[in-house]
């Protein structure tokens, strides 16, 4: 999904991303697999760690889930 693509582009493992974002690796796994949705706060933290704007993640998710 979108988070996984950005994480891989950044050259990070789930564990590294979780550590840098002060989150549990299981949370990252759940977010990437769509089993849980991050809070808005978490989106800002994750995007900061990944070096992108939060709006980029949100926009890409909108495109991913757009049925048209």
PDB file of N, CA and C in Angstrom:
ATOM      1  N   UNK A   1       0.839  -1.171   0.000  1.00  0.00           N
ATOM      2  CA  UNK A   1       0.000   0.000   0.000  1.00  0.00           C
ATOM      3  C   UNK A   1       0.893   1.247   0.000  1.00  0.00           C
ATOM      4  N   UNK A   2       0.321   2.389   0.170  1.00  0.00           N
ATOM      5  CA  UNK A   2       1.024   3.667   0.049  1.00  0.00           C
ATOM      6  C   UNK A   2       2.146   3.802   1.082  1.00  0.00           C
ATOM      7  N   UNK A   3       1.860   3.505   2.329  1.00  0.00           N
ATOM      8  CA  UNK A   3       2.881   3.642   3.376  1.00  0.00           C
ATOM      9  C   UNK A   3       4.056   2.722   3.097  1.00  0.00           C
ATOM     10  N   UNK A   4       3.786   1.508   2.708  1.00  0.00           N
ATOM     11  CA  UNK A   4       4.845   0.533   2.428  1.00  0.00           C
ATOM     12  C   UNK A   4       5.742   1.014   1.286  1.00  0.00           C
ATOM     13  N   UNK A   5       5.134   1.562   0.243  1.00  0.00           N
ATOM     14  CA  UNK A   5       5.915   2.069  -0.884  1.00  0.00           C
ATOM     15  C   UNK A   5       6.862   3.184  -0.456  1.00  0.00           C
ATOM     16  N   UNK A   6       6.356   4.108   0.337  1.00  0.00           N
ATOM     17  CA  UNK A   6       7.198   5.217   0.800  1.00  0.00           C
ATOM     18  C   UNK A   6       8.280   4.728   1.765  1.00  0.00           C
ATOM     19  N   UNK A   7       7.927   3.773   2.608  1.00  0.00           N
ATOM     20  CA  UNK A   7       8.918   3.216   3.538  1.00  0.00           C
ATOM     21  C   UNK A   7      10.054   2.558   2.776  1.00  0.00           C
ATOM     22  N   UNK A   8       9.713   1.774   1.768  1.00  0.00           N
ATOM     23  CA  UNK A   8      10.741   1.091   0.985  1.00  0.00           C
ATOM     24  C   UNK A   8      11.597   2.086   0.204  1.00  0.00           C
ATOM     25  N   UNK A   9      10.960   3.127  -0.347  1.00  0.00           N
ATOM     26  CA  UNK A   9      11.716   4.166  -1.056  1.00  0.00           C
ATOM     27  C   UNK A   9      12.715   4.846  -0.126  1.00  0.00           C
ATOM     28  N   UNK A  10      12.323   4.977   1.145  1.00  0.00           N
ATOM     29  CA  UNK A  10      13.203   5.603   2.138  1.00  0.00           C
ATOM     30  C   UNK A  10      14.285   4.631   2.623  1.00  0.00           C
ATOM     31  N   UNK A  11      14.187   3.379   2.204  1.00  0.00           N
ATOM     32  CA  UNK A  11      15.190   2.388   2.594  1.00  0.00           C
ATOM     33  C   UNK A  11      15.071   1.937   4.034  1.00  0.00           C
ATOM     34  N   UNK A  12      13.838   1.961   4.567  1.00  0.00           N
ATOM     35  CA  UNK A  12      13.622   1.605   5.966  1.00  0.00           C
ATOM     36  C   UNK A  12      12.870   0.283   6.087  1.00  0.00           C
ATOM     37  N   UNK A  13      13.200  -0.467   7.125  1.00  0.00           N
ATOM     38  CA  UNK A  13      12.399  -1.630   7.476  1.00  0.00           C
ATOM     39  C   UNK A  13      11.222  -1.145   8.313  1.00  0.00           C
ATOM     40  N   UNK A  14      10.263  -2.027   8.531  1.00  0.00           N
ATOM     41  CA  UNK A  14       9.141  -1.665   9.404  1.00  0.00           C
ATOM     42  C   UNK A  14       9.656  -1.317  10.795  1.00  0.00           C
ATOM     43  N   UNK A  15      10.633  -2.064  11.258  1.00  0.00           N
ATOM     44  CA  UNK A  15      11.186  -1.832  12.594  1.00  0.00           C
ATOM     45  C   UNK A  15      11.878  -0.480  12.689  1.00  0.00           C
ATOM     46  N   UNK A  16      12.636  -0.113  11.639  1.00  0.00           N
ATOM     47  CA  UNK A  16      13.320   1.183  11.640  1.00  0.00           C
ATOM     48  C   UNK A  16      12.321   2.334  11.611  1.00  0.00           C
ATOM     49  N   UNK A  17      11.304   2.202  10.774  1.00  0.00           N
ATOM     50  CA  UNK A  17      10.279   3.248  10.711  1.00  0.00           C
ATOM     51  C   UNK A  17       9.573   3.375  12.051  1.00  0.00           C
ATOM     52  N   UNK A  18       9.228   2.247  12.645  1.00  0.00           N
ATOM     53  CA  UNK A  18       8.555   2.266  13.942  1.00  0.00           C
ATOM     54  C   UNK A  18       9.427   2.941  15.002  1.00  0.00           C
ATOM     55  N   UNK A  19      10.702   2.601  15.027  1.00  0.00           N
ATOM     56  CA  UNK A  19      11.610   3.191  16.011  1.00  0.00           C
ATOM     57  C   UNK A  19      11.694   4.703  15.834  1.00  0.00           C
ATOM     58  N   UNK A  20      11.886   5.142  14.615  1.00  0.00           N
ATOM     59  CA  UNK A  20      12.023   6.579  14.353  1.00  0.00           C
ATOM     60  C   UNK A  20      10.730   7.345  14.625  1.00  0.00           C
ATOM     61  N   UNK A  21       9.587   6.663  14.451  1.00  0.00           N
ATOM     62  CA  UNK A  21       8.293   7.308  14.686  1.00  0.00           C
ATOM     63  C   UNK A  21       7.790   7.091  16.110  1.00  0.00           C
ATOM     64  N   UNK A  22       8.575   6.369  16.918  1.00  0.00           N
ATOM     65  CA  UNK A  22       8.201   6.046  18.292  1.00  0.00           C
ATOM     66  C   UNK A  22       6.869   5.293  18.336  1.00  0.00           C
ATOM     67  N   UNK A  23       6.769   4.299  17.454  1.00  0.00           N
ATOM     68  CA  UNK A  23       5.581   3.454  17.372  1.00  0.00           C
ATOM     69  C   UNK A  23       6.017   1.999  17.492  1.00  0.00           C
ATOM     70  N   UNK A  24       5.062   1.131  17.687  1.00  0.00           N
ATOM     71  CA  UNK A  24       5.358  -0.297  17.750  1.00  0.00           C
ATOM     72  C   UNK A  24       5.408  -0.839  16.322  1.00  0.00           C
ATOM     73  N   UNK A  25       6.346  -1.734  16.022  1.00  0.00           N
ATOM     74  CA  UNK A  25       6.422  -2.297  14.675  1.00  0.00           C
ATOM     75  C   UNK A  25       5.122  -2.956  14.215  1.00  0.00           C
ATOM     76  N   UNK A  26       4.371  -3.514  15.149  1.00  0.00           N
ATOM     77  CA  UNK A  26       3.095  -4.129  14.793  1.00  0.00           C
ATOM     78  C   UNK A  26       2.136  -3.091  14.226  1.00  0.00           C
ATOM     79  N   UNK A  27       2.169  -1.879  14.757  1.00  0.00           N
ATOM     80  CA  UNK A  27       1.294  -0.813  14.247  1.00  0.00           C
ATOM     81  C   UNK A  27       1.633  -0.512  12.788  1.00  0.00           C
ATOM     82  N   UNK A  28       2.920  -0.448  12.479  1.00  0.00           N
ATOM     83  CA  UNK A  28       3.338  -0.182  11.101  1.00  0.00           C
ATOM     84  C   UNK A  28       2.836  -1.298  10.183  1.00  0.00           C
ATOM     85  N   UNK A  29       2.977  -2.516  10.628  1.00  0.00           N
ATOM     86  CA  UNK A  29       2.504  -3.665   9.858  1.00  0.00           C
ATOM     87  C   UNK A  29       0.997  -3.575   9.620  1.00  0.00           C
ATOM     88  N   UNK A  30       0.244  -3.252  10.650  1.00  0.00           N
ATOM     89  CA  UNK A  30      -1.206  -3.127  10.521  1.00  0.00           C
ATOM     90  C   UNK A  30      -1.573  -2.011   9.542  1.00  0.00           C
ATOM     91  N   UNK A  31      -0.897  -0.868   9.633  1.00  0.00           N
ATOM     92  CA  UNK A  31      -1.171   0.249   8.725  1.00  0.00           C
ATOM     93  C   UNK A  31      -0.891  -0.156   7.278  1.00  0.00           C
ATOM     94  N   UNK A  32       0.242  -0.808   7.065  1.00  0.00           N
ATOM     95  CA  UNK A  32       0.625  -1.177   5.707  1.00  0.00           C
ATOM     96  C   UNK A  32      -0.339  -2.192   5.097  1.00  0.00           C
ATOM     97  N   UNK A  33      -0.887  -3.067   5.898  1.00  0.00           N
ATOM     98  CA  UNK A  33      -1.805  -4.086   5.400  1.00  0.00           C
ATOM     99  C   UNK A  33      -3.266  -3.645   5.425  1.00  0.00           C
ATOM    100  N   UNK A  34      -3.520  -2.416   5.884  1.00  0.00           N
ATOM    101  CA  UNK A  34      -4.877  -1.895   5.912  1.00  0.00           C
ATOM    102  C   UNK A  34      -5.743  -2.487   7.004  1.00  0.00           C
ATOM    103  N   UNK A  35      -5.120  -3.098   7.996  1.00  0.00           N
ATOM    104  CA  UNK A  35      -5.875  -3.694   9.095  1.00  0.00           C
ATOM    105  C   UNK A  35      -6.277  -2.662  10.141  1.00  0.00           C
ATOM    106  N   UNK A  36      -5.550  -1.560  10.166  1.00  0.00           N
ATOM    107  CA  UNK A  36      -5.871  -0.428  11.059  1.00  0.00           C
ATOM    108  C   UNK A  36      -5.550   0.853  10.317  1.00  0.00           C
ATOM    109  N   UNK A  37      -6.218   1.918  10.714  1.00  0.00           N
ATOM    110  CA  UNK A  37      -5.959   3.216  10.114  1.00  0.00           C
ATOM    111  C   UNK A  37      -5.255   4.106  11.140  1.00  0.00           C
ATOM    112  N   UNK A  38      -4.195   4.782  10.709  1.00  0.00           N
ATOM    113  CA  UNK A  38      -3.492   5.661  11.639  1.00  0.00           C
ATOM    114  C   UNK A  38      -4.315   6.903  11.954  1.00  0.00           C
ATOM    115  N   UNK A  39      -4.079   7.448  13.116  1.00  0.00           N
ATOM    116  CA  UNK A  39      -4.698   8.726  13.459  1.00  0.00           C
ATOM    117  C   UNK A  39      -4.057   9.822  12.611  1.00  0.00           C
ATOM    118  N   UNK A  40      -4.678  10.967  12.573  1.00  0.00           N
ATOM    119  CA  UNK A  40      -4.106  12.089  11.847  1.00  0.00           C
ATOM    120  C   UNK A  40      -2.735  12.445  12.412  1.00  0.00           C
ATOM    121  N   UNK A  41      -2.615  12.394  13.719  1.00  0.00           N
ATOM    122  CA  UNK A  41      -1.326  12.657  14.371  1.00  0.00           C
ATOM    123  C   UNK A  41      -0.270  11.688  13.855  1.00  0.00           C
ATOM    124  N   UNK A  42      -0.621  10.402  13.781  1.00  0.00           N
ATOM    125  CA  UNK A  42       0.322   9.393  13.307  1.00  0.00           C
ATOM    126  C   UNK A  42       0.721   9.630  11.856  1.00  0.00           C
ATOM    127  N   UNK A  43      -0.219  10.083  11.040  1.00  0.00           N
ATOM    128  CA  UNK A  43       0.091  10.394   9.646  1.00  0.00           C
ATOM    129  C   UNK A  43       1.152  11.486   9.585  1.00  0.00           C
ATOM    130  N   UNK A  44       1.023  12.509  10.416  1.00  0.00           N
ATOM    131  CA  UNK A  44       2.026  13.578  10.440  1.00  0.00           C
ATOM    132  C   UNK A  44       3.380  13.070  10.918  1.00  0.00           C
ATOM    133  N   UNK A  45       3.393  12.222  11.928  1.00  0.00           N
ATOM    134  CA  UNK A  45       4.654  11.667  12.436  1.00  0.00           C
ATOM    135  C   UNK A  45       5.309  10.804  11.363  1.00  0.00           C
ATOM    136  N   UNK A  46       4.552   9.891  10.784  1.00  0.00           N
ATOM    137  CA  UNK A  46       5.098   8.984   9.768  1.00  0.00           C
ATOM    138  C   UNK A  46       5.600   9.746   8.544  1.00  0.00           C
ATOM    139  N   UNK A  47       4.841  10.716   8.088  1.00  0.00           N
ATOM    140  CA  UNK A  47       5.270  11.475   6.916  1.00  0.00           C
ATOM    141  C   UNK A  47       6.544  12.262   7.227  1.00  0.00           C
ATOM    142  N   UNK A  48       6.651  12.776   8.436  1.00  0.00           N
ATOM    143  CA  UNK A  48       7.874  13.479   8.823  1.00  0.00           C
ATOM    144  C   UNK A  48       9.084  12.571   8.795  1.00  0.00           C
ATOM    145  N   UNK A  49       8.940  11.376   9.316  1.00  0.00           N
ATOM    146  CA  UNK A  49      10.035  10.408   9.308  1.00  0.00           C
ATOM    147  C   UNK A  49      10.398  10.040   7.871  1.00  0.00           C
ATOM    148  N   UNK A  50       9.393   9.930   7.017  1.00  0.00           N
ATOM    149  CA  UNK A  50       9.631   9.547   5.624  1.00  0.00           C
ATOM    150  C   UNK A  50      10.091  10.716   4.756  1.00  0.00           C
ATOM    151  N   UNK A  51      10.053  11.927   5.317  1.00  0.00           N
ATOM    152  CA  UNK A  51      10.528  13.100   4.590  1.00  0.00           C
ATOM    153  C   UNK A  51       9.574  13.579   3.503  1.00  0.00           C
ATOM    154  N   UNK A  52       8.278  13.355   3.721  1.00  0.00           N
ATOM    155  CA  UNK A  52       7.273  13.833   2.776  1.00  0.00           C
ATOM    156  C   UNK A  52       6.189  14.572   3.545  1.00  0.00           C
ATOM    157  N   UNK A  53       5.355  15.304   2.823  1.00  0.00           N
ATOM    158  CA  UNK A  53       4.244  16.003   3.465  1.00  0.00           C
ATOM    159  C   UNK A  53       3.120  15.020   3.760  1.00  0.00           C
ATOM    160  N   UNK A  54       2.427  15.252   4.845  1.00  0.00           N
ATOM    161  CA  UNK A  54       1.284  14.412   5.203  1.00  0.00           C
ATOM    162  C   UNK A  54       0.242  14.443   4.090  1.00  0.00           C
ATOM    163  N   UNK A  55       0.100  15.577   3.449  1.00  0.00           N
ATOM    164  CA  UNK A  55      -0.885  15.701   2.367  1.00  0.00           C
ATOM    165  C   UNK A  55      -0.567  14.762   1.202  1.00  0.00           C
ATOM    166  N   UNK A  56       0.697  14.446   1.000  1.00  0.00           N
ATOM    167  CA  UNK A  56       1.080  13.507  -0.062  1.00  0.00           C
ATOM    168  C   UNK A  56       0.533  12.121   0.253  1.00  0.00           C
ATOM    169  N   UNK A  57       0.701  11.679   1.493  1.00  0.00           N
ATOM    170  CA  UNK A  57       0.164  10.370   1.890  1.00  0.00           C
ATOM    171  C   UNK A  57      -1.351  10.333   1.746  1.00  0.00           C
ATOM    172  N   UNK A  58      -2.003  11.376   2.206  1.00  0.00           N
ATOM    173  CA  UNK A  58      -3.467  11.423   2.143  1.00  0.00           C
ATOM    174  C   UNK A  58      -3.936  11.430   0.694  1.00  0.00           C
ATOM    175  N   UNK A  59      -3.306  12.237  -0.142  1.00  0.00           N
ATOM    176  CA  UNK A  59      -3.695  12.312  -1.554  1.00  0.00           C
ATOM    177  C   UNK A  59      -3.497  10.968  -2.255  1.00  0.00           C
ATOM    178  N   UNK A  60      -2.390  10.303  -1.988  1.00  0.00           N
ATOM    179  CA  UNK A  60      -2.142   9.001  -2.614  1.00  0.00           C
ATOM    180  C   UNK A  60      -3.133   7.954  -2.121  1.00  0.00           C
ATOM    181  N   UNK A  61      -3.541   8.044  -0.869  1.00  0.00           N
ATOM    182  CA  UNK A  61      -4.557   7.120  -0.366  1.00  0.00           C
ATOM    183  C   UNK A  61      -5.905   7.382  -1.027  1.00  0.00           C
ATOM    184  N   UNK A  62      -6.204   8.647  -1.267  1.00  0.00           N
ATOM    185  CA  UNK A  62      -7.458   8.982  -1.959  1.00  0.00           C
ATOM    186  C   UNK A  62      -7.471   8.362  -3.351  1.00  0.00           C
ATOM    187  N   UNK A  63      -6.370   8.457  -4.051  1.00  0.00           N
ATOM    188  CA  UNK A  63      -6.267   7.879  -5.390  1.00  0.00           C
ATOM    189  C   UNK A  63      -6.372   6.359  -5.307  1.00  0.00           C
ATOM    190  N   UNK A  64      -5.712   5.776  -4.326  1.00  0.00           N
ATOM    191  CA  UNK A  64      -5.714   4.313  -4.151  1.00  0.00           C
ATOM    192  C   UNK A  64      -7.128   3.780  -3.911  1.00  0.00           C
ATOM    193  N   UNK A  65      -7.922   4.501  -3.133  1.00  0.00           N
ATOM    194  CA  UNK A  65      -9.258   4.046  -2.776  1.00  0.00           C
ATOM    195  C   UNK A  65     -10.365   4.608  -3.661  1.00  0.00           C
ATOM    196  N   UNK A  66     -10.017   5.466  -4.627  1.00  0.00           N
ATOM    197  CA  UNK A  66     -11.034   6.047  -5.508  1.00  0.00           C
ATOM    198  C   UNK A  66     -11.546   4.990  -6.475  1.00  0.00           C
ATOM    199  N   UNK A  67     -12.846   4.734  -6.461  1.00  0.00           N
ATOM    200  CA  UNK A  67     -13.392   3.698  -7.331  1.00  0.00           C
ATOM    201  C   UNK A  67     -13.489   4.108  -8.805  1.00  0.00           C
ATOM    202  N   UNK A  68     -13.237   5.355  -9.124  1.00  0.00           N
ATOM    203  CA  UNK A  68     -13.384   5.823 -10.520  1.00  0.00           C
ATOM    204  C   UNK A  68     -12.106   5.753 -11.271  1.00  0.00           C
TER     205      UNK A  68
END
